[in-house]
PDB file of N, CA and C in Angstrom:
ATOM      1  N   MET A   1     -10.107  32.726  12.135  1.00  0.00           N
ATOM      2  CA  MET A   1      -8.968  32.484  11.252  1.00  0.00           C
ATOM      3  C   MET A   1      -8.358  31.094  11.492  1.00  0.00           C
ATOM      4  N   LYS A   2      -8.244  30.699  12.748  1.00  0.00           N
ATOM      5  CA  LYS A   2      -7.678  29.396  13.086  1.00  0.00           C
ATOM      6  C   LYS A   2      -8.543  28.269  12.522  1.00  0.00           C
ATOM      7  N   THR A   3      -9.864  28.434  12.593  1.00  0.00           N
ATOM      8  CA  THR A   3     -10.786  27.433  12.065  1.00  0.00           C
ATOM      9  C   THR A   3     -10.625  27.286  10.562  1.00  0.00           C
ATOM     10  N   ARG A   4     -10.394  28.380   9.885  1.00  0.00           N
ATOM     11  CA  ARG A   4     -10.210  28.340   8.432  1.00  0.00           C
ATOM     12  C   ARG A   4      -8.996  27.489   8.073  1.00  0.00           C
ATOM     13  N   TRP A   5      -7.877  27.663   8.773  1.00  0.00           N
ATOM     14  CA  TRP A   5      -6.670  26.882   8.489  1.00  0.00           C
ATOM     15  C   TRP A   5      -6.868  25.408   8.805  1.00  0.00           C
ATOM     16  N   LEU A   6      -7.611  25.113   9.863  1.00  0.00           N
ATOM     17  CA  LEU A   6      -7.906  23.719  10.177  1.00  0.00           C
ATOM     18  C   LEU A   6      -8.739  23.076   9.075  1.00  0.00           C
ATOM     19  N   LEU A   7      -9.691  23.807   8.550  1.00  0.00           N
ATOM     20  CA  LEU A   7     -10.519  23.293   7.467  1.00  0.00           C
ATOM     21  C   LEU A   7      -9.686  23.055   6.206  1.00  0.00           C
ATOM     22  N   VAL A   8      -8.821  24.005   5.871  1.00  0.00           N
ATOM     23  CA  VAL A   8      -7.953  23.852   4.703  1.00  0.00           C
ATOM     24  C   VAL A   8      -7.050  22.636   4.880  1.00  0.00           C
ATOM     25  N   PHE A   9      -6.473  22.470   6.048  1.00  0.00           N
ATOM     26  CA  PHE A   9      -5.601  21.331   6.325  1.00  0.00           C
ATOM     27  C   PHE A   9      -6.363  20.014   6.208  1.00  0.00           C
ATOM     28  N   ALA A  10      -7.572  19.948   6.751  1.00  0.00           N
ATOM     29  CA  ALA A  10      -8.376  18.733   6.672  1.00  0.00           C
ATOM     30  C   ALA A  10      -8.699  18.375   5.227  1.00  0.00           C
ATOM     31  N   VAL A  11      -9.057  19.352   4.424  1.00  0.00           N
ATOM     32  CA  VAL A  11      -9.363  19.104   3.014  1.00  0.00           C
ATOM     33  C   VAL A  11      -8.118  18.622   2.275  1.00  0.00           C
ATOM     34  N   MET A  12      -6.956  19.184   2.578  1.00  0.00           N
ATOM     35  CA  MET A  12      -5.715  18.758   1.926  1.00  0.00           C
ATOM     36  C   MET A  12      -5.411  17.298   2.246  1.00  0.00           C
ATOM     37  N   ILE A  13      -5.662  16.887   3.466  1.00  0.00           N
ATOM     38  CA  ILE A  13      -5.402  15.495   3.844  1.00  0.00           C
ATOM     39  C   ILE A  13      -6.318  14.558   3.072  1.00  0.00           C
ATOM     40  N   VAL A  14      -7.601  14.890   3.023  1.00  0.00           N
ATOM     41  CA  VAL A  14      -8.567  14.014   2.353  1.00  0.00           C
ATOM     42  C   VAL A  14      -8.332  13.969   0.857  1.00  0.00           C
ATOM     43  N   VAL A  15      -8.086  15.106   0.228  1.00  0.00           N
ATOM     44  CA  VAL A  15      -7.931  15.177  -1.218  1.00  0.00           C
ATOM     45  C   VAL A  15      -6.543  14.745  -1.659  1.00  0.00           C
ATOM     46  N   GLY A  16      -5.545  14.942  -0.831  1.00  0.00           N
ATOM     47  CA  GLY A  16      -4.157  14.738  -1.219  1.00  0.00           C
ATOM     48  C   GLY A  16      -3.714  13.307  -1.327  1.00  0.00           C
ATOM     49  N   GLY A  17      -4.598  12.361  -1.329  1.00  0.00           N
ATOM     50  CA  GLY A  17      -4.206  10.971  -1.427  1.00  0.00           C
ATOM     51  C   GLY A  17      -4.078  10.377  -0.041  1.00  0.00           C
ATOM     52  N   CYS A  18      -4.590   9.190   0.110  1.00  0.00           N
ATOM     53  CA  CYS A  18      -4.672   8.607   1.442  1.00  0.00           C
ATOM     54  C   CYS A  18      -3.718   7.447   1.650  1.00  0.00           C
ATOM     55  N   THR A  19      -2.904   7.132   0.678  1.00  0.00           N
ATOM     56  CA  THR A  19      -1.979   6.016   0.855  1.00  0.00           C
ATOM     57  C   THR A  19      -0.586   6.387   0.379  1.00  0.00           C
ATOM     58  N   LYS A  20       0.383   5.684   0.960  1.00  0.00           N
ATOM     59  CA  LYS A  20       1.772   5.820   0.538  1.00  0.00           C
ATOM     60  C   LYS A  20       2.298   4.423   0.224  1.00  0.00           C
ATOM     61  N   SER A  21       3.217   4.344  -0.715  1.00  0.00           N
ATOM     62  CA  SER A  21       3.796   3.068  -1.095  1.00  0.00           C
ATOM     63  C   SER A  21       5.317   3.133  -1.002  1.00  0.00           C
ATOM     64  N   THR A  22       5.908   2.014  -0.606  1.00  0.00           N
ATOM     65  CA  THR A  22       7.367   1.917  -0.617  1.00  0.00           C
ATOM     66  C   THR A  22       7.879   1.693  -2.026  1.00  0.00           C
ATOM     67  N   GLY A  23       6.967   1.312  -2.928  1.00  0.00           N
ATOM     68  CA  GLY A  23       7.388   0.851  -4.237  1.00  0.00           C
ATOM     69  C   GLY A  23       7.823  -0.602  -4.096  1.00  0.00           C
ATOM     70  N   VAL A  24       8.090  -1.243  -5.202  1.00  0.00           N
ATOM     71  CA  VAL A  24       8.515  -2.641  -5.171  1.00  0.00           C
ATOM     72  C   VAL A  24      10.008  -2.677  -4.879  1.00  0.00           C
ATOM     73  N   VAL A  25      10.376  -3.430  -3.835  1.00  0.00           N
ATOM     74  CA  VAL A  25      11.782  -3.544  -3.458  1.00  0.00           C
ATOM     75  C   VAL A  25      12.165  -5.019  -3.400  1.00  0.00           C
ATOM     76  N   PRO A  26      13.395  -5.353  -3.813  1.00  0.00           N
ATOM     77  CA  PRO A  26      13.848  -6.739  -3.725  1.00  0.00           C
ATOM     78  C   PRO A  26      13.892  -7.195  -2.273  1.00  0.00           C
ATOM     79  N   ASP A  27      13.549  -8.468  -2.060  1.00  0.00           N
ATOM     80  CA  ASP A  27      13.566  -9.034  -0.708  1.00  0.00           C
ATOM     81  C   ASP A  27      13.946 -10.507  -0.793  1.00  0.00           C
ATOM     82  N   GLY A  28      15.232 -10.781  -0.855  1.00  0.00           N
ATOM     83  CA  GLY A  28      15.696 -12.151  -0.974  1.00  0.00           C
ATOM     84  C   GLY A  28      15.872 -12.562  -2.423  1.00  0.00           C
ATOM     85  N   VAL A  29      16.081 -13.843  -2.610  1.00  0.00           N
ATOM     86  CA  VAL A  29      16.296 -14.383  -3.943  1.00  0.00           C
ATOM     87  C   VAL A  29      14.955 -14.505  -4.662  1.00  0.00           C
ATOM     88  N   ASP A  30      14.818 -13.806  -5.792  1.00  0.00           N
ATOM     89  CA  ASP A  30      13.601 -13.851  -6.611  1.00  0.00           C
ATOM     90  C   ASP A  30      12.335 -13.445  -5.864  1.00  0.00           C
ATOM     91  N   ALA A  31      12.449 -12.659  -4.818  1.00  0.00           N
ATOM     92  CA  ALA A  31      11.274 -12.212  -4.074  1.00  0.00           C
ATOM     93  C   ALA A  31      11.286 -10.684  -3.981  1.00  0.00           C
ATOM     94  N   PHE A  32      10.104 -10.137  -3.845  1.00  0.00           N
ATOM     95  CA  PHE A  32       9.940  -8.688  -3.769  1.00  0.00           C
ATOM     96  C   PHE A  32       8.932  -8.360  -2.681  1.00  0.00           C
ATOM     97  N   ARG A  33       8.992  -7.127  -2.205  1.00  0.00           N
ATOM     98  CA  ARG A  33       8.080  -6.661  -1.162  1.00  0.00           C
ATOM     99  C   ARG A  33       7.552  -5.281  -1.550  1.00  0.00           C
ATOM    100  N   VAL A  34       6.282  -5.067  -1.271  1.00  0.00           N
ATOM    101  CA  VAL A  34       5.687  -3.744  -1.430  1.00  0.00           C
ATOM    102  C   VAL A  34       4.800  -3.502  -0.217  1.00  0.00           C
ATOM    103  N   MET A  35       4.908  -2.311   0.351  1.00  0.00           N
ATOM    104  CA  MET A  35       4.111  -1.965   1.518  1.00  0.00           C
ATOM    105  C   MET A  35       3.324  -0.695   1.237  1.00  0.00           C
ATOM    106  N   HIS A  36       2.046  -0.742   1.521  1.00  0.00           N
ATOM    107  CA  HIS A  36       1.179   0.427   1.401  1.00  0.00           C
ATOM    108  C   HIS A  36       0.709   0.816   2.797  1.00  0.00           C
ATOM    109  N   THR A  37       0.772   2.106   3.077  1.00  0.00           N
ATOM    110  CA  THR A  37       0.374   2.634   4.377  1.00  0.00           C
ATOM    111  C   THR A  37      -0.656   3.730   4.179  1.00  0.00           C
ATOM    112  N   GLY A  38      -1.708   3.700   4.982  1.00  0.00           N
ATOM    113  CA  GLY A  38      -2.692   4.774   4.967  1.00  0.00           C
ATOM    114  C   GLY A  38      -2.174   5.919   5.813  1.00  0.00           C
ATOM    115  N   ASP A  39      -2.326   7.136   5.319  1.00  0.00           N
ATOM    116  CA  ASP A  39      -1.853   8.265   6.114  1.00  0.00           C
ATOM    117  C   ASP A  39      -3.002   9.082   6.682  1.00  0.00           C
ATOM    118  N   THR A  40      -4.200   8.526   6.644  1.00  0.00           N
ATOM    119  CA  THR A  40      -5.345   9.123   7.334  1.00  0.00           C
ATOM    120  C   THR A  40      -6.167   7.980   7.900  1.00  0.00           C
ATOM    121  N   GLY A  41      -7.088   8.297   8.759  1.00  0.00           N
ATOM    122  CA  GLY A  41      -7.957   7.282   9.337  1.00  0.00           C
ATOM    123  C   GLY A  41      -9.059   6.825   8.404  1.00  0.00           C
ATOM    124  N   PHE A  42      -9.093   7.352   7.173  1.00  0.00           N
ATOM    125  CA  PHE A  42     -10.169   7.028   6.241  1.00  0.00           C
ATOM    126  C   PHE A  42      -9.848   5.831   5.349  1.00  0.00           C
ATOM    127  N   THR A  43      -8.663   5.259   5.469  1.00  0.00           N
ATOM    128  CA  THR A  43      -8.250   4.144   4.627  1.00  0.00           C
ATOM    129  C   THR A  43      -8.230   2.870   5.464  1.00  0.00           C
ATOM    130  N   ASN A  44      -8.763   1.779   4.923  1.00  0.00           N
ATOM    131  CA  ASN A  44      -8.718   0.525   5.667  1.00  0.00           C
ATOM    132  C   ASN A  44      -7.695  -0.417   5.048  1.00  0.00           C
ATOM    133  N   SER A  45      -7.369  -1.482   5.763  1.00  0.00           N
ATOM    134  CA  SER A  45      -6.317  -2.380   5.293  1.00  0.00           C
ATOM    135  C   SER A  45      -6.728  -3.152   4.038  1.00  0.00           C
ATOM    136  N   ALA A  46      -8.019  -3.379   3.827  1.00  0.00           N
ATOM    137  CA  ALA A  46      -8.462  -4.073   2.610  1.00  0.00           C
ATOM    138  C   ALA A  46      -8.126  -3.251   1.364  1.00  0.00           C
ATOM    139  N   THR A  47      -8.319  -1.953   1.437  1.00  0.00           N
ATOM    140  CA  THR A  47      -7.964  -1.067   0.323  1.00  0.00           C
ATOM    141  C   THR A  47      -6.461  -1.091   0.088  1.00  0.00           C
ATOM    142  N   LEU A  48      -5.702  -1.097   1.158  1.00  0.00           N
ATOM    143  CA  LEU A  48      -4.243  -1.121   1.035  1.00  0.00           C
ATOM    144  C   LEU A  48      -3.760  -2.438   0.443  1.00  0.00           C
ATOM    145  N   GLN A  49      -4.401  -3.546   0.810  1.00  0.00           N
ATOM    146  CA  GLN A  49      -4.057  -4.841   0.215  1.00  0.00           C
ATOM    147  C   GLN A  49      -4.298  -4.818  -1.284  1.00  0.00           C
ATOM    148  N   LYS A  50      -5.446  -4.289  -1.665  1.00  0.00           N
ATOM    149  CA  LYS A  50      -5.778  -4.192  -3.095  1.00  0.00           C
ATOM    150  C   LYS A  50      -4.733  -3.355  -3.832  1.00  0.00           C
ATOM    151  N   ASN A  51      -4.346  -2.228  -3.251  1.00  0.00           N
ATOM    152  CA  ASN A  51      -3.341  -1.369  -3.875  1.00  0.00           C
ATOM    153  C   ASN A  51      -1.991  -2.075  -4.001  1.00  0.00           C
ATOM    154  N   ALA A  52      -1.615  -2.835  -2.984  1.00  0.00           N
ATOM    155  CA  ALA A  52      -0.343  -3.570  -3.021  1.00  0.00           C
ATOM    156  C   ALA A  52      -0.371  -4.622  -4.129  1.00  0.00           C
ATOM    157  N   TYR A  53      -1.498  -5.354  -4.248  1.00  0.00           N
ATOM    158  CA  TYR A  53      -1.615  -6.353  -5.314  1.00  0.00           C
ATOM    159  C   TYR A  53      -1.599  -5.706  -6.697  1.00  0.00           C
ATOM    160  N   GLN A  54      -2.234  -4.559  -6.835  1.00  0.00           N
ATOM    161  CA  GLN A  54      -2.227  -3.873  -8.131  1.00  0.00           C
ATOM    162  C   GLN A  54      -0.812  -3.454  -8.515  1.00  0.00           C
ATOM    163  N   GLU A  55      -0.058  -2.946  -7.553  1.00  0.00           N
ATOM    164  CA  GLU A  55       1.315  -2.533  -7.842  1.00  0.00           C
ATOM    165  C   GLU A  55       2.189  -3.736  -8.199  1.00  0.00           C
ATOM    166  N   ALA A  56       2.012  -4.836  -7.462  1.00  0.00           N
ATOM    167  CA  ALA A  56       2.779  -6.049  -7.747  1.00  0.00           C
ATOM    168  C   ALA A  56       2.405  -6.629  -9.105  1.00  0.00           C
ATOM    169  N   THR A  57       1.126  -6.608  -9.444  1.00  0.00           N
ATOM    170  CA  THR A  57       0.661  -7.124 -10.729  1.00  0.00           C
ATOM    171  C   THR A  57       1.262  -6.326 -11.882  1.00  0.00           C
ATOM    172  N   THR A  58       1.279  -5.013 -11.749  1.00  0.00           N
ATOM    173  CA  THR A  58       1.872  -4.154 -12.781  1.00  0.00           C
ATOM    174  C   THR A  58       3.361  -4.445 -12.918  1.00  0.00           C
ATOM    175  N   PHE A  59       4.045  -4.597 -11.792  1.00  0.00           N
ATOM    176  CA  PHE A  59       5.480  -4.876 -11.796  1.00  0.00           C
ATOM    177  C   PHE A  59       5.781  -6.193 -12.522  1.00  0.00           C
ATOM    178  N   CYS A  60       5.033  -7.245 -12.180  1.00  0.00           N
ATOM    179  CA  CYS A  60       5.269  -8.551 -12.800  1.00  0.00           C
ATOM    180  C   CYS A  60       4.863  -8.561 -14.276  1.00  0.00           C
ATOM    181  N   ALA A  61       3.786  -7.873 -14.616  1.00  0.00           N
ATOM    182  CA  ALA A  61       3.317  -7.824 -16.001  1.00  0.00           C
ATOM    183  C   ALA A  61       4.363  -7.189 -16.912  1.00  0.00           C
ATOM    184  N   GLN A  62       5.141  -6.242 -16.396  1.00  0.00           N
ATOM    185  CA  GLN A  62       6.208  -5.629 -17.189  1.00  0.00           C
ATOM    186  C   GLN A  62       7.278  -6.639 -17.566  1.00  0.00           C
ATOM    187  N   GLN A  63       7.329  -7.745 -16.841  1.00  0.00           N
ATOM    188  CA  GLN A  63       8.278  -8.823 -17.132  1.00  0.00           C
ATOM    189  C   GLN A  63       7.604  -9.984 -17.852  1.00  0.00           C
ATOM    190  N   GLY A  64       6.322  -9.837 -18.182  1.00  0.00           N
ATOM    191  CA  GLY A  64       5.573 -10.903 -18.833  1.00  0.00           C
ATOM    192  C   GLY A  64       5.247 -12.038 -17.881  1.00  0.00           C
ATOM    193  N   LYS A  65       5.124 -11.735 -16.593  1.00  0.00           N
ATOM    194  CA  LYS A  65       4.878 -12.761 -15.580  1.00  0.00           C
ATOM    195  C   LYS A  65       3.668 -12.372 -14.738  1.00  0.00           C
ATOM    196  N   ILE A  66       3.296 -13.263 -13.813  1.00  0.00           N
ATOM    197  CA  ILE A  66       2.188 -13.010 -12.906  1.00  0.00           C
ATOM    198  C   ILE A  66       2.675 -13.082 -11.460  1.00  0.00           C
ATOM    199  N   VAL A  67       1.852 -12.562 -10.559  1.00  0.00           N
ATOM    200  CA  VAL A  67       2.195 -12.512  -9.132  1.00  0.00           C
ATOM    201  C   VAL A  67       1.930 -13.860  -8.477  1.00  0.00           C
ATOM    202  N   GLU A  68       2.884 -14.302  -7.679  1.00  0.00           N
ATOM    203  CA  GLU A  68       2.688 -15.446  -6.786  1.00  0.00           C
ATOM    204  C   GLU A  68       2.899 -14.913  -5.365  1.00  0.00           C
ATOM    205  N   THR A  69       1.862 -14.992  -4.548  1.00  0.00           N
ATOM    206  CA  THR A  69       1.939 -14.474  -3.184  1.00  0.00           C
ATOM    207  C   THR A  69       2.744 -15.411  -2.298  1.00  0.00           C
ATOM    208  N   ILE A  70       3.707 -14.849  -1.598  1.00  0.00           N
ATOM    209  CA  ILE A  70       4.446 -15.584  -0.574  1.00  0.00           C
ATOM    210  C   ILE A  70       3.795 -15.324   0.783  1.00  0.00           C
ATOM    211  N   ASN A  71       3.481 -14.043   1.045  1.00  0.00           N
ATOM    212  CA  ASN A  71       2.859 -13.678   2.309  1.00  0.00           C
ATOM    213  C   ASN A  71       2.190 -12.307   2.178  1.00  0.00           C
ATOM    214  N   MET A  72       1.053 -12.153   2.843  1.00  0.00           N
ATOM    215  CA  MET A  72       0.378 -10.855   2.921  1.00  0.00           C
ATOM    216  C   MET A  72       0.090 -10.596   4.394  1.00  0.00           C
ATOM    217  N   GLU A  73       0.552  -9.458   4.880  1.00  0.00           N
ATOM    218  CA  GLU A  73       0.271  -9.042   6.249  1.00  0.00           C
ATOM    219  C   GLU A  73      -0.436  -7.703   6.201  1.00  0.00           C
ATOM    220  N   SER A  74      -1.406  -7.516   7.088  1.00  0.00           N
ATOM    221  CA  SER A  74      -2.068  -6.218   7.147  1.00  0.00           C
ATOM    222  C   SER A  74      -2.422  -5.892   8.584  1.00  0.00           C
ATOM    223  N   LYS A  75      -2.523  -4.594   8.843  1.00  0.00           N
ATOM    224  CA  LYS A  75      -2.894  -4.092  10.167  1.00  0.00           C
ATOM    225  C   LYS A  75      -3.941  -2.997   9.987  1.00  0.00           C
ATOM    226  N   GLN A  76      -4.940  -3.026  10.836  1.00  0.00           N
ATOM    227  CA  GLN A  76      -5.943  -1.973  10.850  1.00  0.00           C
ATOM    228  C   GLN A  76      -5.361  -0.742  11.542  1.00  0.00           C
ATOM    229  N   ALA A  77      -6.023   0.398  11.396  1.00  0.00           N
ATOM    230  CA  ALA A  77      -5.610   1.616  12.093  1.00  0.00           C
ATOM    231  C   ALA A  77      -5.662   1.366  13.596  1.00  0.00           C
ATOM    232  N   ARG A  78      -4.700   1.943  14.311  1.00  0.00           N
ATOM    233  CA  ARG A  78      -4.641   1.816  15.749  1.00  0.00           C
ATOM    234  C   ARG A  78      -4.692   3.199  16.389  1.00  0.00           C
ATOM    235  N   PRO A  79      -5.173   3.290  17.609  1.00  0.00           N
ATOM    236  CA  PRO A  79      -5.268   4.597  18.261  1.00  0.00           C
ATOM    237  C   PRO A  79      -3.906   5.288  18.380  1.00  0.00           C
ATOM    238  N   PHE A  80      -3.930   6.588  18.355  1.00  0.00           N
ATOM    239  CA  PHE A  80      -2.749   7.419  18.563  1.00  0.00           C
ATOM    240  C   PHE A  80      -1.667   7.218  17.512  1.00  0.00           C
ATOM    241  N   GLY A  81      -2.050   7.196  16.240  1.00  0.00           N
ATOM    242  CA  GLY A  81      -1.076   7.226  15.164  1.00  0.00           C
ATOM    243  C   GLY A  81      -0.695   5.903  14.552  1.00  0.00           C
ATOM    244  N   GLY A  82      -1.363   4.846  14.906  1.00  0.00           N
ATOM    245  CA  GLY A  82      -1.068   3.574  14.255  1.00  0.00           C
ATOM    246  C   GLY A  82      -1.853   3.479  12.963  1.00  0.00           C
ATOM    247  N   TRP A  83      -1.243   3.902  11.854  1.00  0.00           N
ATOM    248  CA  TRP A  83      -1.941   3.943  10.580  1.00  0.00           C
ATOM    249  C   TRP A  83      -2.137   2.529  10.043  1.00  0.00           C
ATOM    250  N   PRO A  84      -3.170   2.313   9.230  1.00  0.00           N
ATOM    251  CA  PRO A  84      -3.366   1.001   8.611  1.00  0.00           C
ATOM    252  C   PRO A  84      -2.251   0.736   7.599  1.00  0.00           C
ATOM    253  N   GLU A  85      -1.918  -0.529   7.437  1.00  0.00           N
ATOM    254  CA  GLU A  85      -0.871  -0.879   6.473  1.00  0.00           C
ATOM    255  C   GLU A  85      -1.083  -2.286   5.937  1.00  0.00           C
ATOM    256  N   ALA A  86      -0.504  -2.545   4.783  1.00  0.00           N
ATOM    257  CA  ALA A  86      -0.527  -3.865   4.165  1.00  0.00           C
ATOM    258  C   ALA A  86       0.826  -4.089   3.503  1.00  0.00           C
ATOM    259  N   THR A  87       1.404  -5.251   3.773  1.00  0.00           N
ATOM    260  CA  THR A  87       2.702  -5.608   3.205  1.00  0.00           C
ATOM    261  C   THR A  87       2.562  -6.910   2.434  1.00  0.00           C
ATOM    262  N   LEU A  88       2.935  -6.877   1.163  1.00  0.00           N
ATOM    263  CA  LEU A  88       2.855  -8.044   0.294  1.00  0.00           C
ATOM    264  C   LEU A  88       4.260  -8.504  -0.047  1.00  0.00           C
ATOM    265  N   LEU A  89       4.547  -9.761   0.253  1.00  0.00           N
ATOM    266  CA  LEU A  89       5.791 -10.412  -0.153  1.00  0.00           C
ATOM    267  C   LEU A  89       5.418 -11.346  -1.299  1.00  0.00           C
ATOM    268  N   PHE A  90       6.084 -11.192  -2.428  1.00  0.00           N
ATOM    269  CA  PHE A  90       5.676 -11.944  -3.614  1.00  0.00           C
ATOM    270  C   PHE A  90       6.857 -12.255  -4.513  1.00  0.00           C
ATOM    271  N   ARG A  91       6.584 -13.099  -5.505  1.00  0.00           N
ATOM    272  CA  ARG A  91       7.563 -13.340  -6.580  1.00  0.00           C
ATOM    273  C   ARG A  91       6.810 -13.274  -7.898  1.00  0.00           C
ATOM    274  N   CYS A  92       7.538 -13.028  -8.957  1.00  0.00           N
ATOM    275  CA  CYS A  92       6.973 -13.019 -10.300  1.00  0.00           C
ATOM    276  C   CYS A  92       7.280 -14.358 -10.946  1.00  0.00           C
ATOM    277  N   VAL A  93       6.245 -15.040 -11.414  1.00  0.00           N
ATOM    278  CA  VAL A  93       6.416 -16.372 -12.009  1.00  0.00           C
ATOM    279  C   VAL A  93       5.840 -16.398 -13.398  1.00  0.00           C
ATOM    280  N   ASP A  94       6.300 -17.361 -14.206  1.00  0.00           N
ATOM    281  CA  ASP A  94       5.767 -17.538 -15.555  1.00  0.00           C
ATOM    282  C   ASP A  94       4.305 -18.009 -15.467  1.00  0.00           C
ATOM    283  N   GLN A  95       3.515 -17.586 -16.447  1.00  0.00           N
ATOM    284  CA  GLN A  95       2.131 -18.061 -16.527  1.00  0.00           C
ATOM    285  C   GLN A  95       2.166 -19.515 -16.960  1.00  0.00           C
ATOM    286  N   GLU A  96       1.299 -20.321 -16.385  1.00  0.00           N
ATOM    287  CA  GLU A  96       1.275 -21.748 -16.730  1.00  0.00           C
ATOM    288  C   GLU A  96       0.398 -22.009 -17.912  1.00  0.00           C
TER     289      GLU A  96
END
């Protein structure tokens, strides 16, 4: 019975989505930040970076603008609960 619950829990983790987002939040004058975190060991920081850029691109496109990267930081998974993460600091600028 215990093994069955462990299997169900493992499947829920894998199927239930492997990333979390803070959403786009203001960070200074005309700047925004979005952070994506993996909540399982199956997600790498490259995937999280891509997800952060996609969210920022959608946010800026709603304003008729494009993303300008100020800074991108990422961390790989670390032992004992250090989940992978990617943080994008950006601004929305007019297309040239």
